[in-house]
Protein backbone atom coordinates (compact mmCIF):
# COMPACT_ATOMS: atom_id res chain seq x y z
CA MET A 1 -17.98 2.67 193.60
CA ILE A 2 -17.18 1.57 189.96
CA PHE A 3 -13.65 1.97 190.51
CA LYS A 4 -13.68 -0.44 193.32
CA ALA A 5 -15.68 -2.73 191.44
CA PHE A 6 -13.22 -2.73 188.64
CA LYS A 7 -10.26 -3.59 191.25
CA GLN A 8 -11.98 -6.37 192.68
CA PHE A 9 -12.61 -7.60 188.60
CA PHE A 10 -8.99 -7.38 187.79
CA ARG A 11 -8.01 -9.03 191.18
CA ARG A 12 -10.00 -11.98 190.45
CA PHE A 13 -8.97 -12.23 186.91
CA LYS A 14 -5.40 -12.85 187.73
CA LYS A 15 -5.96 -15.81 189.72
CA ILE A 16 -8.04 -17.37 186.48
CA GLU A 17 -5.93 -19.76 184.96
CA PHE A 18 -4.83 -19.12 181.16
CA HIS A 19 -7.01 -21.89 179.67
CA VAL A 20 -10.27 -20.51 181.11
CA LEU A 21 -9.56 -17.12 179.70
CA ILE A 22 -9.08 -19.12 176.09
CA ALA A 23 -12.36 -20.82 176.61
CA ILE A 24 -14.26 -17.32 177.52
CA ILE A 25 -12.75 -15.53 174.38
CA GLY A 26 -14.03 -18.76 172.24
CA LEU A 27 -17.23 -18.77 173.70
CA THR A 28 -17.57 -15.21 172.84
CA PHE A 29 -16.55 -15.54 169.25
CA THR A 30 -18.78 -18.33 168.86
CA ILE A 31 -21.85 -16.65 170.23
CA ALA A 32 -20.97 -13.35 168.18
CA ASN A 33 -20.62 -15.77 164.70
CA SER A 34 -23.70 -17.45 165.39
CA LEU A 35 -25.96 -14.32 165.85
CA ILE A 36 -24.38 -13.05 162.73
CA PHE A 37 -25.37 -16.07 161.07
CA TYR A 38 -28.64 -16.07 162.36
CA LYS A 39 -29.38 -12.84 160.90
CA TYR A 40 -27.87 -13.55 157.72
CA LEU A 41 -30.29 -16.43 157.37
CA GLN A 42 -32.96 -14.51 158.56
CA ASP A 43 -32.65 -11.58 155.75
CA GLU A 44 -32.23 -14.43 153.15
CA PHE A 45 -35.24 -16.31 154.08
CA SER A 46 -37.50 -12.94 154.00
CA TYR A 47 -36.45 -11.91 150.58
CA ASP A 48 -39.46 -10.48 149.16
CA ARG A 49 -41.78 -11.70 151.80
CA PHE A 50 -43.57 -8.20 151.94
CA HIS A 51 -45.22 -8.44 148.62
CA LYS A 52 -49.12 -9.85 148.60
CA LYS A 53 -48.54 -12.24 146.09
CA ASN A 54 -44.69 -13.28 147.08
CA ASP A 55 -45.36 -17.11 145.78
CA ARG A 56 -45.05 -15.80 142.44
CA ILE A 57 -41.92 -13.85 142.48
CA TYR A 58 -39.00 -15.74 140.60
CA ARG A 59 -35.40 -14.77 140.46
CA VAL A 60 -33.35 -16.05 137.42
CA LEU A 61 -29.87 -17.27 137.80
CA ARG A 62 -26.99 -17.93 135.38
CA VAL A 63 -24.83 -20.79 136.35
CA THR A 64 -21.43 -21.19 134.12
CA PHE A 65 -19.50 -24.50 134.43
CA GLU A 66 -16.11 -25.11 133.78
CA ASN A 67 -15.06 -27.75 131.06
CA ASP A 68 -16.11 -30.80 133.69
CA GLU A 69 -20.10 -30.43 134.76
CA ASN A 70 -18.96 -30.37 138.96
CA HIS A 71 -17.04 -27.21 138.78
CA ILE A 72 -18.88 -23.97 139.04
CA LYS A 73 -17.03 -21.18 137.29
CA TYR A 74 -20.03 -18.23 137.94
CA GLN A 75 -22.96 -17.96 139.58
CA GLY A 76 -25.12 -14.74 139.13
CA ALA A 77 -28.38 -12.98 138.10
CA GLU A 78 -26.48 -10.72 135.46
CA TYR A 79 -28.14 -10.82 132.14
CA PRO A 80 -28.12 -8.81 128.89
CA ILE A 81 -30.67 -6.03 128.77
CA PRO A 82 -32.61 -7.39 126.02
CA LEU A 83 -33.44 -10.37 127.89
CA GLY A 84 -36.08 -9.07 130.21
CA PRO A 85 -38.46 -8.01 127.27
CA ALA A 86 -37.63 -11.39 125.56
CA ILE A 87 -38.86 -13.46 128.43
CA SER A 88 -42.01 -11.83 128.67
CA GLU A 89 -42.74 -11.93 125.41
CA TYR A 90 -41.64 -16.09 124.86
CA PHE A 91 -43.08 -16.87 127.90
CA SER A 92 -46.64 -16.44 128.64
CA ASP A 93 -46.62 -16.98 132.18
CA VAL A 94 -44.46 -14.29 132.73
CA ILE A 95 -46.85 -11.15 133.71
CA TYR A 96 -44.20 -8.39 134.60
CA GLN A 97 -40.63 -8.89 135.01
CA SER A 98 -37.79 -6.17 136.20
CA ARG A 99 -34.10 -6.10 135.94
CA PHE A 100 -31.75 -4.45 138.22
CA THR A 101 -28.24 -3.73 138.64
CA GLU A 102 -25.54 -1.65 139.91
CA SER A 103 -22.99 0.70 138.36
CA ASN A 104 -21.00 3.62 138.87
CA THR A 105 -22.40 6.77 136.94
CA MET A 106 -21.78 10.18 136.61
CA VAL A 107 -25.01 12.25 137.68
CA SER A 108 -24.85 15.85 136.46
CA ASN A 109 -27.31 18.99 137.56
CA ASN A 110 -26.67 22.25 135.92
CA GLU A 111 -22.96 22.78 136.88
CA SER A 112 -22.93 19.79 139.77
CA VAL A 113 -21.36 16.82 138.91
CA PHE A 114 -21.62 13.85 141.16
CA ASN A 115 -20.23 10.22 140.92
CA GLU A 116 -22.93 7.95 142.23
CA THR A 117 -23.63 4.39 142.55
CA VAL A 118 -27.29 3.63 140.98
CA HIS A 119 -29.33 0.35 141.57
């Protein structure tokens, strides 16, 4: 039964002109990219929404510009380690602060040694 269905599909598929095939492939890529973009936006807008006081959470970014002020050279959230406690000390509105980083580190347990990515 399935073989018959595939056979019928390929017979009809031969009759379809080439531009219809390109349109179907283009539509498939468009729908796939739209779904991926939607999931990306959904993830970005749900950032830290699970906290009770999520309206109080802020992320500090560093932006480095080239010589002219219109061209961004670097944008990220990486800072020196002492900056976290300094922010809490100098700004009274900051109640808690935390830092996060990703690094490759060697972890050892007795004789076992592992290379791990630590977050």
